[in-house]
């Protein structure tokens, strides 16, 4: 009996001494689309054409001394007047080409291409 008890006790100690099974790595959440940026300077949108993925947000920043606007040719978005250091953000939820312009400077144009 004593021998059986000793064997049982040793078995329990061996089980307890074994390393715990490693946790399975948690699945990563799908990456969120990153943000994209357009600078407004010297009456230009830089980059003039920007290609992004559906669901991405574009931020326009007025780095100029002049006021500017960001207006989609199809009317889908409009920033209103952006003063110096002003920003405007828009999230593109559908694929396509989105030409835009500055209403204050008609030759200032850009395009967002959404894949």
PDB file of N, CA and C in Angstrom:
ATOM      1  N   UNK A   1       0.819  -1.189   0.000  1.00  0.00           N
ATOM      2  CA  UNK A   1       0.000   0.000   0.000  1.00  0.00           C
ATOM      3  C   UNK A   1       0.860   1.248   0.000  1.00  0.00           C
ATOM      4  N   UNK A   2       1.872   1.234   0.815  1.00  0.00           N
ATOM      5  CA  UNK A   2       2.769   2.372   0.910  1.00  0.00           C
ATOM      6  C   UNK A   2       3.471   2.605  -0.430  1.00  0.00           C
ATOM      7  N   UNK A   3       3.835   1.482  -1.086  1.00  0.00           N
ATOM      8  CA  UNK A   3       4.500   1.582  -2.376  1.00  0.00           C
ATOM      9  C   UNK A   3       3.527   2.163  -3.419  1.00  0.00           C
ATOM     10  N   UNK A   4       2.279   1.761  -3.415  1.00  0.00           N
ATOM     11  CA  UNK A   4       1.281   2.266  -4.342  1.00  0.00           C
ATOM     12  C   UNK A   4       1.039   3.756  -4.109  1.00  0.00           C
ATOM     13  N   UNK A   5       0.976   4.155  -2.863  1.00  0.00           N
ATOM     14  CA  UNK A   5       0.775   5.555  -2.514  1.00  0.00           C
ATOM     15  C   UNK A   5       1.961   6.397  -2.974  1.00  0.00           C
ATOM     16  N   UNK A   6       3.171   5.854  -2.797  1.00  0.00           N
ATOM     17  CA  UNK A   6       4.376   6.549  -3.215  1.00  0.00           C
ATOM     18  C   UNK A   6       4.406   6.725  -4.738  1.00  0.00           C
ATOM     19  N   UNK A   7       4.020   5.694  -5.475  1.00  0.00           N
ATOM     20  CA  UNK A   7       3.977   5.766  -6.940  1.00  0.00           C
ATOM     21  C   UNK A   7       2.941   6.795  -7.382  1.00  0.00           C
ATOM     22  N   UNK A   8       1.791   6.807  -6.759  1.00  0.00           N
ATOM     23  CA  UNK A   8       0.748   7.768  -7.104  1.00  0.00           C
ATOM     24  C   UNK A   8       1.207   9.190  -6.821  1.00  0.00           C
ATOM     25  N   UNK A   9       1.881   9.365  -5.697  1.00  0.00           N
ATOM     26  CA  UNK A   9       2.376  10.687  -5.323  1.00  0.00           C
ATOM     27  C   UNK A   9       3.453  11.167  -6.308  1.00  0.00           C
ATOM     28  N   UNK A  10       4.361  10.286  -6.686  1.00  0.00           N
ATOM     29  CA  UNK A  10       5.403  10.627  -7.657  1.00  0.00           C
ATOM     30  C   UNK A  10       4.790  10.950  -9.025  1.00  0.00           C
ATOM     31  N   UNK A  11       3.776  10.214  -9.391  1.00  0.00           N
ATOM     32  CA  UNK A  11       3.103  10.482 -10.672  1.00  0.00           C
ATOM     33  C   UNK A  11       2.474  11.869 -10.670  1.00  0.00           C
ATOM     34  N   UNK A  12       1.842  12.215  -9.581  1.00  0.00           N
ATOM     35  CA  UNK A  12       1.242  13.550  -9.474  1.00  0.00           C
ATOM     36  C   UNK A  12       2.306  14.642  -9.528  1.00  0.00           C
ATOM     37  N   UNK A  13       3.437  14.413  -8.850  1.00  0.00           N
ATOM     38  CA  UNK A  13       4.518  15.392  -8.874  1.00  0.00           C
ATOM     39  C   UNK A  13       5.088  15.553 -10.283  1.00  0.00           C
ATOM     40  N   UNK A  14       5.239  14.458 -11.018  1.00  0.00           N
ATOM     41  CA  UNK A  14       5.739  14.520 -12.385  1.00  0.00           C
ATOM     42  C   UNK A  14       4.775  15.288 -13.285  1.00  0.00           C
ATOM     43  N   UNK A  15       3.479  15.060 -13.129  1.00  0.00           N
ATOM     44  CA  UNK A  15       2.495  15.776 -13.919  1.00  0.00           C
ATOM     45  C   UNK A  15       2.519  17.274 -13.614  1.00  0.00           C
ATOM     46  N   UNK A  16       2.654  17.592 -12.332  1.00  0.00           N
ATOM     47  CA  UNK A  16       2.663  18.994 -11.930  1.00  0.00           C
ATOM     48  C   UNK A  16       3.933  19.698 -12.404  1.00  0.00           C
ATOM     49  N   UNK A  17       5.028  18.979 -12.540  1.00  0.00           N
ATOM     50  CA  UNK A  17       6.302  19.568 -12.933  1.00  0.00           C
ATOM     51  C   UNK A  17       6.400  19.808 -14.436  1.00  0.00           C
ATOM     52  N   UNK A  18       5.520  19.200 -15.200  1.00  0.00           N
ATOM     53  CA  UNK A  18       5.579  19.393 -16.644  1.00  0.00           C
ATOM     54  C   UNK A  18       5.145  20.818 -16.990  1.00  0.00           C
ATOM     55  N   UNK A  19       5.808  21.396 -18.001  1.00  0.00           N
ATOM     56  CA  UNK A  19       5.422  22.765 -18.371  1.00  0.00           C
ATOM     57  C   UNK A  19       3.994  22.795 -18.908  1.00  0.00           C
ATOM     58  N   UNK A  20       3.341  23.888 -18.616  1.00  0.00           N
ATOM     59  CA  UNK A  20       1.964  24.058 -19.087  1.00  0.00           C
ATOM     60  C   UNK A  20       1.984  24.165 -20.605  1.00  0.00           C
ATOM     61  N   UNK A  21       0.966  23.645 -21.268  1.00  0.00           N
ATOM     62  CA  UNK A  21       0.935  23.779 -22.722  1.00  0.00           C
ATOM     63  C   UNK A  21       0.875  25.258 -23.094  1.00  0.00           C
ATOM     64  N   UNK A  22       1.611  25.582 -24.141  1.00  0.00           N
ATOM     65  CA  UNK A  22       1.642  26.985 -24.572  1.00  0.00           C
ATOM     66  C   UNK A  22       0.285  27.363 -25.138  1.00  0.00           C
ATOM     67  N   UNK A  23      -0.099  28.583 -24.818  1.00  0.00           N
ATOM     68  CA  UNK A  23      -1.344  29.101 -25.386  1.00  0.00           C
ATOM     69  C   UNK A  23      -1.174  29.259 -26.886  1.00  0.00           C
ATOM     70  N   UNK A  24      -2.231  28.943 -27.583  1.00  0.00           N
ATOM     71  CA  UNK A  24      -2.208  29.153 -29.020  1.00  0.00           C
ATOM     72  C   UNK A  24      -2.223  30.654 -29.273  1.00  0.00           C
ATOM     73  N   UNK A  25      -1.454  31.104 -30.268  1.00  0.00           N
ATOM     74  CA  UNK A  25      -1.492  32.547 -30.539  1.00  0.00           C
ATOM     75  C   UNK A  25      -2.892  32.975 -30.968  1.00  0.00           C
ATOM     76  N   UNK A  26      -3.265  34.130 -30.467  1.00  0.00           N
ATOM     77  CA  UNK A  26      -4.585  34.654 -30.810  1.00  0.00           C
ATOM     78  C   UNK A  26      -4.568  35.117 -32.261  1.00  0.00           C
ATOM     79  N   UNK A  27      -5.644  34.846 -32.992  1.00  0.00           N
ATOM     80  CA  UNK A  27      -5.668  35.320 -34.381  1.00  0.00           C
ATOM     81  C   UNK A  27      -5.670  36.841 -34.401  1.00  0.00           C
ATOM     82  N   UNK A  28      -4.906  37.383 -35.343  1.00  0.00           N
ATOM     83  CA  UNK A  28      -4.828  38.832 -35.455  1.00  0.00           C
ATOM     84  C   UNK A  28      -6.085  39.365 -36.134  1.00  0.00           C
ATOM     85  N   UNK A  29      -6.494  40.523 -35.687  1.00  0.00           N
ATOM     86  CA  UNK A  29      -7.637  41.189 -36.332  1.00  0.00           C
ATOM     87  C   UNK A  29      -7.202  41.610 -37.726  1.00  0.00           C
ATOM     88  N   UNK A  30      -8.127  41.612 -38.662  1.00  0.00           N
ATOM     89  CA  UNK A  30      -7.744  42.058 -40.000  1.00  0.00           C
ATOM     90  C   UNK A  30      -7.256  43.499 -39.942  1.00  0.00           C
ATOM     91  N   UNK A  31      -6.205  43.810 -40.707  1.00  0.00           N
ATOM     92  CA  UNK A  31      -5.676  45.173 -40.636  1.00  0.00           C
ATOM     93  C   UNK A  31      -6.695  46.187 -41.144  1.00  0.00           C
ATOM     94  N   UNK A  32      -6.699  47.326 -40.482  1.00  0.00           N
ATOM     95  CA  UNK A  32      -7.576  48.392 -40.952  1.00  0.00           C
ATOM     96  C   UNK A  32      -6.823  49.188 -42.009  1.00  0.00           C
ATOM     97  N   UNK A  33      -7.531  49.636 -42.998  1.00  0.00           N
ATOM     98  CA  UNK A  33      -6.841  50.397 -44.031  1.00  0.00           C
ATOM     99  C   UNK A  33      -6.168  51.621 -43.432  1.00  0.00           C
ATOM    100  N   UNK A  34      -4.980  51.874 -43.883  1.00  0.00           N
ATOM    101  CA  UNK A  34      -4.248  53.010 -43.348  1.00  0.00           C
ATOM    102  C   UNK A  34      -4.739  54.316 -43.959  1.00  0.00           C
ATOM    103  N   UNK A  35      -4.374  55.380 -43.288  1.00  0.00           N
ATOM    104  CA  UNK A  35      -4.765  56.700 -43.775  1.00  0.00           C
ATOM    105  C   UNK A  35      -3.820  57.143 -44.887  1.00  0.00           C
ATOM    106  N   UNK A  36      -4.276  58.052 -45.707  1.00  0.00           N
ATOM    107  CA  UNK A  36      -3.484  58.621 -46.792  1.00  0.00           C
ATOM    108  C   UNK A  36      -3.574  60.136 -46.691  1.00  0.00           C
ATOM    109  N   UNK A  37      -2.560  60.820 -47.226  1.00  0.00           N
ATOM    110  CA  UNK A  37      -2.516  62.272 -47.064  1.00  0.00           C
ATOM    111  C   UNK A  37      -2.238  62.983 -48.382  1.00  0.00           C
ATOM    112  N   UNK A  38      -2.828  64.160 -48.500  1.00  0.00           N
ATOM    113  CA  UNK A  38      -2.577  65.056 -49.627  1.00  0.00           C
ATOM    114  C   UNK A  38      -2.220  66.414 -49.028  1.00  0.00           C
ATOM    115  N   UNK A  39      -1.133  66.982 -49.515  1.00  0.00           N
ATOM    116  CA  UNK A  39      -0.705  68.307 -49.077  1.00  0.00           C
ATOM    117  C   UNK A  39      -1.169  69.343 -50.097  1.00  0.00           C
ATOM    118  N   UNK A  40      -1.606  70.493 -49.600  1.00  0.00           N
ATOM    119  CA  UNK A  40      -1.986  71.604 -50.464  1.00  0.00           C
ATOM    120  C   UNK A  40      -0.927  72.681 -50.269  1.00  0.00           C
ATOM    121  N   UNK A  41      -0.176  72.976 -51.338  1.00  0.00           N
ATOM    122  CA  UNK A  41       0.913  73.951 -51.252  1.00  0.00           C
ATOM    123  C   UNK A  41       1.175  74.513 -52.639  1.00  0.00           C
ATOM    124  N   UNK A  42       1.426  75.798 -52.722  1.00  0.00           N
ATOM    125  CA  UNK A  42       1.734  76.464 -53.990  1.00  0.00           C
ATOM    126  C   UNK A  42       0.656  76.212 -55.045  1.00  0.00           C
ATOM    127  N   UNK A  43      -0.592  76.251 -54.611  1.00  0.00           N
ATOM    128  CA  UNK A  43      -1.746  76.026 -55.500  1.00  0.00           C
ATOM    129  C   UNK A  43      -1.685  74.678 -56.210  1.00  0.00           C
ATOM    130  N   UNK A  44      -1.203  73.657 -55.480  1.00  0.00           N
ATOM    131  CA  UNK A  44      -1.140  72.293 -56.010  1.00  0.00           C
ATOM    132  C   UNK A  44      -1.574  71.311 -54.937  1.00  0.00           C
ATOM    133  N   UNK A  45      -2.164  70.210 -55.394  1.00  0.00           N
ATOM    134  CA  UNK A  45      -2.430  69.065 -54.523  1.00  0.00           C
ATOM    135  C   UNK A  45      -1.271  68.090 -54.735  1.00  0.00           C
ATOM    136  N   UNK A  46      -0.606  67.685 -53.663  1.00  0.00           N
ATOM    137  CA  UNK A  46       0.517  66.765 -53.776  1.00  0.00           C
ATOM    138  C   UNK A  46       0.285  65.566 -52.865  1.00  0.00           C
ATOM    139  N   UNK A  47       0.200  64.351 -53.429  1.00  0.00           N
ATOM    140  CA  UNK A  47       0.305  64.034 -54.846  1.00  0.00           C
ATOM    141  C   UNK A  47      -0.966  64.452 -55.587  1.00  0.00           C
ATOM    142  N   UNK A  48      -0.793  64.707 -56.878  1.00  0.00           N
ATOM    143  CA  UNK A  48      -1.935  65.115 -57.693  1.00  0.00           C
ATOM    144  C   UNK A  48      -2.906  63.956 -57.890  1.00  0.00           C
ATOM    145  N   UNK A  49      -2.359  62.749 -58.042  1.00  0.00           N
ATOM    146  CA  UNK A  49      -3.171  61.529 -58.124  1.00  0.00           C
ATOM    147  C   UNK A  49      -2.733  60.608 -57.000  1.00  0.00           C
ATOM    148  N   UNK A  50      -3.691  60.141 -56.217  1.00  0.00           N
ATOM    149  CA  UNK A  50      -3.413  59.266 -55.092  1.00  0.00           C
ATOM    150  C   UNK A  50      -4.259  58.008 -55.236  1.00  0.00           C
ATOM    151  N   UNK A  51      -3.617  56.839 -55.168  1.00  0.00           N
ATOM    152  CA  UNK A  51      -4.328  55.562 -55.253  1.00  0.00           C
ATOM    153  C   UNK A  51      -4.416  54.955 -53.863  1.00  0.00           C
ATOM    154  N   UNK A  52      -5.638  54.598 -53.473  1.00  0.00           N
ATOM    155  CA  UNK A  52      -5.880  54.046 -52.139  1.00  0.00           C
ATOM    156  C   UNK A  52      -6.777  52.815 -52.260  1.00  0.00           C
ATOM    157  N   UNK A  53      -6.991  52.145 -51.142  1.00  0.00           N
ATOM    158  CA  UNK A  53      -7.913  51.009 -51.071  1.00  0.00           C
ATOM    159  C   UNK A  53      -9.269  51.493 -50.554  1.00  0.00           C
ATOM    160  N   UNK A  54     -10.293  50.768 -50.938  1.00  0.00           N
ATOM    161  CA  UNK A  54     -11.640  51.068 -50.453  1.00  0.00           C
ATOM    162  C   UNK A  54     -11.632  51.025 -48.927  1.00  0.00           C
ATOM    163  N   UNK A  55     -12.240  52.020 -48.304  1.00  0.00           N
ATOM    164  CA  UNK A  55     -12.297  52.099 -46.845  1.00  0.00           C
ATOM    165  C   UNK A  55     -11.236  53.000 -46.237  1.00  0.00           C
ATOM    166  N   UNK A  56     -10.280  53.445 -47.040  1.00  0.00           N
ATOM    167  CA  UNK A  56      -9.241  54.330 -46.522  1.00  0.00           C
ATOM    168  C   UNK A  56      -9.754  55.759 -46.397  1.00  0.00           C
ATOM    169  N   UNK A  57      -9.173  56.478 -45.470  1.00  0.00           N
ATOM    170  CA  UNK A  57      -9.480  57.884 -45.259  1.00  0.00           C
ATOM    171  C   UNK A  57      -8.336  58.724 -45.801  1.00  0.00           C
ATOM    172  N   UNK A  58      -8.678  59.762 -46.531  1.00  0.00           N
ATOM    173  CA  UNK A  58      -7.683  60.702 -47.035  1.00  0.00           C
ATOM    174  C   UNK A  58      -7.810  61.986 -46.228  1.00  0.00           C
ATOM    175  N   UNK A  59      -6.665  62.523 -45.816  1.00  0.00           N
ATOM    176  CA  UNK A  59      -6.620  63.804 -45.116  1.00  0.00           C
ATOM    177  C   UNK A  59      -5.894  64.813 -45.989  1.00  0.00           C
ATOM    178  N   UNK A  60      -6.572  65.896 -46.301  1.00  0.00           N
ATOM    179  CA  UNK A  60      -5.962  67.006 -47.025  1.00  0.00           C
ATOM    180  C   UNK A  60      -5.547  68.042 -45.983  1.00  0.00           C
ATOM    181  N   UNK A  61      -4.333  68.573 -46.111  1.00  0.00           N
ATOM    182  CA  UNK A  61      -3.843  69.604 -45.199  1.00  0.00           C
ATOM    183  C   UNK A  61      -3.400  70.813 -46.005  1.00  0.00           C
ATOM    184  N   UNK A  62      -3.921  71.981 -45.641  1.00  0.00           N
ATOM    185  CA  UNK A  62      -3.543  73.217 -46.318  1.00  0.00           C
ATOM    186  C   UNK A  62      -2.219  73.714 -45.723  1.00  0.00           C
ATOM    187  N   UNK A  63      -1.131  73.480 -46.467  1.00  0.00           N
ATOM    188  CA  UNK A  63       0.196  73.937 -46.063  1.00  0.00           C
ATOM    189  C   UNK A  63       0.587  75.208 -46.817  1.00  0.00           C
ATOM    190  N   UNK A  64      -0.403  75.918 -47.297  1.00  0.00           N
ATOM    191  CA  UNK A  64      -0.190  77.123 -48.091  1.00  0.00           C
ATOM    192  C   UNK A  64      -0.583  78.347 -47.269  1.00  0.00           C
ATOM    193  N   UNK A  65      -0.165  79.513 -47.738  1.00  0.00           N
ATOM    194  CA  UNK A  65      -0.579  80.769 -47.093  1.00  0.00           C
ATOM    195  C   UNK A  65      -1.939  81.234 -47.590  1.00  0.00           C
ATOM    196  N   UNK A  66      -2.448  80.588 -48.642  1.00  0.00           N
ATOM    197  CA  UNK A  66      -3.740  80.938 -49.228  1.00  0.00           C
ATOM    198  C   UNK A  66      -4.828  79.994 -48.736  1.00  0.00           C
ATOM    199  N   UNK A  67      -6.073  80.457 -48.755  1.00  0.00           N
ATOM    200  CA  UNK A  67      -7.210  79.572 -48.476  1.00  0.00           C
ATOM    201  C   UNK A  67      -7.413  78.651 -49.678  1.00  0.00           C
ATOM    202  N   UNK A  68      -7.922  77.442 -49.415  1.00  0.00           N
ATOM    203  CA  UNK A  68      -8.214  76.482 -50.476  1.00  0.00           C
ATOM    204  C   UNK A  68      -9.487  75.721 -50.127  1.00  0.00           C
ATOM    205  N   UNK A  69     -10.005  74.994 -51.111  1.00  0.00           N
ATOM    206  CA  UNK A  69     -11.123  74.077 -50.883  1.00  0.00           C
ATOM    207  C   UNK A  69     -10.779  72.739 -51.521  1.00  0.00           C
ATOM    208  N   UNK A  70     -11.499  71.711 -51.123  1.00  0.00           N
ATOM    209  CA  UNK A  70     -11.384  70.374 -51.717  1.00  0.00           C
ATOM    210  C   UNK A  70     -12.808  69.962 -52.068  1.00  0.00           C
ATOM    211  N   UNK A  71     -13.121  69.930 -53.368  1.00  0.00           N
ATOM    212  CA  UNK A  71     -14.487  69.653 -53.808  1.00  0.00           C
ATOM    213  C   UNK A  71     -14.487  68.573 -54.886  1.00  0.00           C
ATOM    214  N   UNK A  72     -15.206  67.491 -54.622  1.00  0.00           N
ATOM    215  CA  UNK A  72     -15.333  66.429 -55.622  1.00  0.00           C
ATOM    216  C   UNK A  72     -16.108  66.960 -56.813  1.00  0.00           C
ATOM    217  N   UNK A  73     -15.644  66.606 -57.998  1.00  0.00           N
ATOM    218  CA  UNK A  73     -16.357  67.038 -59.210  1.00  0.00           C
ATOM    219  C   UNK A  73     -17.785  66.511 -59.242  1.00  0.00           C
ATOM    220  N   UNK A  74     -18.018  65.328 -58.639  1.00  0.00           N
ATOM    221  CA  UNK A  74     -19.363  64.744 -58.634  1.00  0.00           C
ATOM    222  C   UNK A  74     -20.192  65.178 -57.420  1.00  0.00           C
ATOM    223  N   UNK A  75     -19.626  66.056 -56.579  1.00  0.00           N
ATOM    224  CA  UNK A  75     -20.351  66.558 -55.413  1.00  0.00           C
ATOM    225  C   UNK A  75     -20.366  65.623 -54.210  1.00  0.00           C
ATOM    226  N   UNK A  76     -19.629  64.520 -54.258  1.00  0.00           N
ATOM    227  CA  UNK A  76     -19.672  63.544 -53.166  1.00  0.00           C
ATOM    228  C   UNK A  76     -18.986  64.029 -51.887  1.00  0.00           C
ATOM    229  N   UNK A  77     -18.084  64.977 -51.982  1.00  0.00           N
ATOM    230  CA  UNK A  77     -17.467  65.553 -50.783  1.00  0.00           C
ATOM    231  C   UNK A  77     -17.072  66.995 -51.051  1.00  0.00           C
ATOM    232  N   UNK A  78     -17.027  67.773 -49.970  1.00  0.00           N
ATOM    233  CA  UNK A  78     -16.657  69.187 -50.059  1.00  0.00           C
ATOM    234  C   UNK A  78     -16.129  69.632 -48.701  1.00  0.00           C
ATOM    235  N   UNK A  79     -15.009  70.298 -48.721  1.00  0.00           N
ATOM    236  CA  UNK A  79     -14.351  70.680 -47.470  1.00  0.00           C
ATOM    237  C   UNK A  79     -14.814  72.014 -46.912  1.00  0.00           C
ATOM    238  N   UNK A  80     -15.393  72.844 -47.746  1.00  0.00           N
ATOM    239  CA  UNK A  80     -15.555  74.226 -47.323  1.00  0.00           C
ATOM    240  C   UNK A  80     -14.187  74.886 -47.412  1.00  0.00           C
ATOM    241  N   UNK A  81     -14.061  76.115 -46.933  1.00  0.00           N
ATOM    242  CA  UNK A  81     -12.787  76.827 -47.025  1.00  0.00           C
ATOM    243  C   UNK A  81     -11.819  76.326 -45.964  1.00  0.00           C
ATOM    244  N   UNK A  82     -10.610  75.961 -46.418  1.00  0.00           N
ATOM    245  CA  UNK A  82      -9.557  75.526 -45.503  1.00  0.00           C
ATOM    246  C   UNK A  82      -8.556  76.659 -45.339  1.00  0.00           C
ATOM    247  N   UNK A  83      -8.447  77.168 -44.142  1.00  0.00           N
ATOM    248  CA  UNK A  83      -7.443  78.191 -43.819  1.00  0.00           C
ATOM    249  C   UNK A  83      -6.074  77.516 -43.694  1.00  0.00           C
ATOM    250  N   UNK A  84      -5.024  78.308 -43.515  1.00  0.00           N
ATOM    251  CA  UNK A  84      -3.677  77.781 -43.320  1.00  0.00           C
ATOM    252  C   UNK A  84      -3.675  76.760 -42.178  1.00  0.00           C
ATOM    253  N   UNK A  85      -3.082  75.613 -42.430  1.00  0.00           N
ATOM    254  CA  UNK A  85      -2.986  74.466 -41.512  1.00  0.00           C
ATOM    255  C   UNK A  85      -4.325  73.751 -41.286  1.00  0.00           C
ATOM    256  N   UNK A  86      -5.348  74.173 -42.004  1.00  0.00           N
ATOM    257  CA  UNK A  86      -6.645  73.502 -41.899  1.00  0.00           C
ATOM    258  C   UNK A  86      -6.593  72.129 -42.556  1.00  0.00           C
ATOM    259  N   UNK A  87      -7.428  71.217 -42.070  1.00  0.00           N
ATOM    260  CA  UNK A  87      -7.476  69.869 -42.630  1.00  0.00           C
ATOM    261  C   UNK A  87      -8.898  69.477 -42.974  1.00  0.00           C
ATOM    262  N   UNK A  88      -8.996  68.518 -43.870  1.00  0.00           N
ATOM    263  CA  UNK A  88     -10.280  67.937 -44.262  1.00  0.00           C
ATOM    264  C   UNK A  88     -10.052  66.454 -44.473  1.00  0.00           C
ATOM    265  N   UNK A  89     -10.973  65.624 -43.961  1.00  0.00           N
ATOM    266  CA  UNK A  89     -10.870  64.172 -44.120  1.00  0.00           C
ATOM    267  C   UNK A  89     -12.112  63.633 -44.798  1.00  0.00           C
ATOM    268  N   UNK A  90     -11.888  62.598 -45.611  1.00  0.00           N
ATOM    269  CA  UNK A  90     -13.006  61.910 -46.256  1.00  0.00           C
ATOM    270  C   UNK A  90     -12.638  60.442 -46.397  1.00  0.00           C
ATOM    271  N   UNK A  91     -13.580  59.564 -46.043  1.00  0.00           N
ATOM    272  CA  UNK A  91     -13.384  58.121 -46.164  1.00  0.00           C
ATOM    273  C   UNK A  91     -14.071  57.636 -47.428  1.00  0.00           C
ATOM    274  N   UNK A  92     -13.312  56.961 -48.282  1.00  0.00           N
ATOM    275  CA  UNK A  92     -13.817  56.478 -49.567  1.00  0.00           C
ATOM    276  C   UNK A  92     -14.330  55.061 -49.403  1.00  0.00           C
ATOM    277  N   UNK A  93     -15.640  54.891 -49.551  1.00  0.00           N
ATOM    278  CA  UNK A  93     -16.283  53.601 -49.301  1.00  0.00           C
ATOM    279  C   UNK A  93     -16.564  52.816 -50.572  1.00  0.00           C
ATOM    280  N   UNK A  94     -16.409  53.447 -51.732  1.00  0.00           N
ATOM    281  CA  UNK A  94     -16.654  52.762 -52.999  1.00  0.00           C
ATOM    282  C   UNK A  94     -15.458  52.934 -53.923  1.00  0.00           C
ATOM    283  N   UNK A  95     -15.257  51.938 -54.765  1.00  0.00           N
ATOM    284  CA  UNK A  95     -14.159  51.993 -55.728  1.00  0.00           C
ATOM    285  C   UNK A  95     -14.505  52.955 -56.860  1.00  0.00           C
ATOM    286  N   UNK A  96     -13.479  53.498 -57.484  1.00  0.00           N
ATOM    287  CA  UNK A  96     -13.685  54.379 -58.622  1.00  0.00           C
ATOM    288  C   UNK A  96     -12.657  55.488 -58.654  1.00  0.00           C
ATOM    289  N   UNK A  97     -12.834  56.391 -59.608  1.00  0.00           N
ATOM    290  CA  UNK A  97     -11.980  57.572 -59.730  1.00  0.00           C
ATOM    291  C   UNK A  97     -12.768  58.776 -59.253  1.00  0.00           C
ATOM    292  N   UNK A  98     -12.141  59.578 -58.415  1.00  0.00           N
ATOM    293  CA  UNK A  98     -12.803  60.736 -57.836  1.00  0.00           C
ATOM    294  C   UNK A  98     -11.971  61.992 -58.103  1.00  0.00           C
ATOM    295  N   UNK A  99     -12.200  62.639 -59.262  1.00  0.00           N
ATOM    296  CA  UNK A  99     -11.511  63.899 -59.522  1.00  0.00           C
ATOM    297  C   UNK A  99     -12.064  64.985 -58.593  1.00  0.00           C
ATOM    298  N   UNK A 100     -11.185  65.892 -58.180  1.00  0.00           N
ATOM    299  CA  UNK A 100     -11.604  66.988 -57.308  1.00  0.00           C
ATOM    300  C   UNK A 100     -10.824  68.236 -57.677  1.00  0.00           C
ATOM    301  N   UNK A 101     -11.237  69.355 -57.099  1.00  0.00           N
ATOM    302  CA  UNK A 101     -10.609  70.632 -57.431  1.00  0.00           C
ATOM    303  C   UNK A 101     -10.720  71.590 -56.266  1.00  0.00           C
ATOM    304  N   UNK A 102     -10.068  72.729 -56.443  1.00  0.00           N
ATOM    305  CA  UNK A 102     -10.190  73.844 -55.504  1.00  0.00           C
ATOM    306  C   UNK A 102     -11.067  74.890 -56.176  1.00  0.00           C
ATOM    307  N   UNK A 103     -12.191  75.218 -55.560  1.00  0.00           N
ATOM    308  CA  UNK A 103     -13.106  76.200 -56.160  1.00  0.00           C
ATOM    309  C   UNK A 103     -12.492  77.598 -56.218  1.00  0.00           C
ATOM    310  N   UNK A 104     -11.540  77.872 -55.333  1.00  0.00           N
ATOM    311  CA  UNK A 104     -10.909  79.191 -55.313  1.00  0.00           C
ATOM    312  C   UNK A 104      -9.800  79.324 -56.363  1.00  0.00           C
ATOM    313  N   UNK A 105      -9.271  78.188 -56.805  1.00  0.00           N
ATOM    314  CA  UNK A 105      -8.184  78.162 -57.797  1.00  0.00           C
ATOM    315  C   UNK A 105      -8.517  77.072 -58.810  1.00  0.00           C
ATOM    316  N   UNK A 106      -9.315  77.391 -59.841  1.00  0.00           N
ATOM    317  CA  UNK A 106      -9.862  76.390 -60.763  1.00  0.00           C
ATOM    318  C   UNK A 106      -8.845  75.498 -61.469  1.00  0.00           C
ATOM    319  N   UNK A 107      -7.603  75.939 -61.601  1.00  0.00           N
ATOM    320  CA  UNK A 107      -6.589  75.100 -62.258  1.00  0.00           C
ATOM    321  C   UNK A 107      -5.985  74.080 -61.300  1.00  0.00           C
ATOM    322  N   UNK A 108      -6.311  74.180 -60.037  1.00  0.00           N
ATOM    323  CA  UNK A 108      -5.776  73.274 -59.014  1.00  0.00           C
ATOM    324  C   UNK A 108      -6.679  72.046 -58.963  1.00  0.00           C
ATOM    325  N   UNK A 109      -6.156  70.917 -59.443  1.00  0.00           N
ATOM    326  CA  UNK A 109      -6.968  69.698 -59.544  1.00  0.00           C
ATOM    327  C   UNK A 109      -6.205  68.497 -59.001  1.00  0.00           C
ATOM    328  N   UNK A 110      -6.975  67.491 -58.632  1.00  0.00           N
ATOM    329  CA  UNK A 110      -6.399  66.245 -58.160  1.00  0.00           C
ATOM    330  C   UNK A 110      -7.371  65.100 -58.405  1.00  0.00           C
ATOM    331  N   UNK A 111      -6.895  63.873 -58.191  1.00  0.00           N
ATOM    332  CA  UNK A 111      -7.743  62.693 -58.371  1.00  0.00           C
ATOM    333  C   UNK A 111      -7.401  61.668 -57.301  1.00  0.00           C
ATOM    334  N   UNK A 112      -8.432  61.100 -56.723  1.00  0.00           N
ATOM    335  CA  UNK A 112      -8.281  59.955 -55.832  1.00  0.00           C
ATOM    336  C   UNK A 112      -8.770  58.736 -56.601  1.00  0.00           C
ATOM    337  N   UNK A 113      -7.926  57.709 -56.683  1.00  0.00           N
ATOM    338  CA  UNK A 113      -8.281  56.454 -57.331  1.00  0.00           C
ATOM    339  C   UNK A 113      -8.467  55.427 -56.224  1.00  0.00           C
ATOM    340  N   UNK A 114      -9.675  54.875 -56.136  1.00  0.00           N
ATOM    341  CA  UNK A 114      -9.992  53.918 -55.075  1.00  0.00           C
ATOM    342  C   UNK A 114     -10.124  52.528 -55.700  1.00  0.00           C
ATOM    343  N   UNK A 115      -9.283  51.621 -55.225  1.00  0.00           N
ATOM    344  CA  UNK A 115      -9.296  50.243 -55.755  1.00  0.00           C
ATOM    345  C   UNK A 115     -10.141  49.337 -54.901  1.00  0.00           C
TER     346      UNK A 115
END
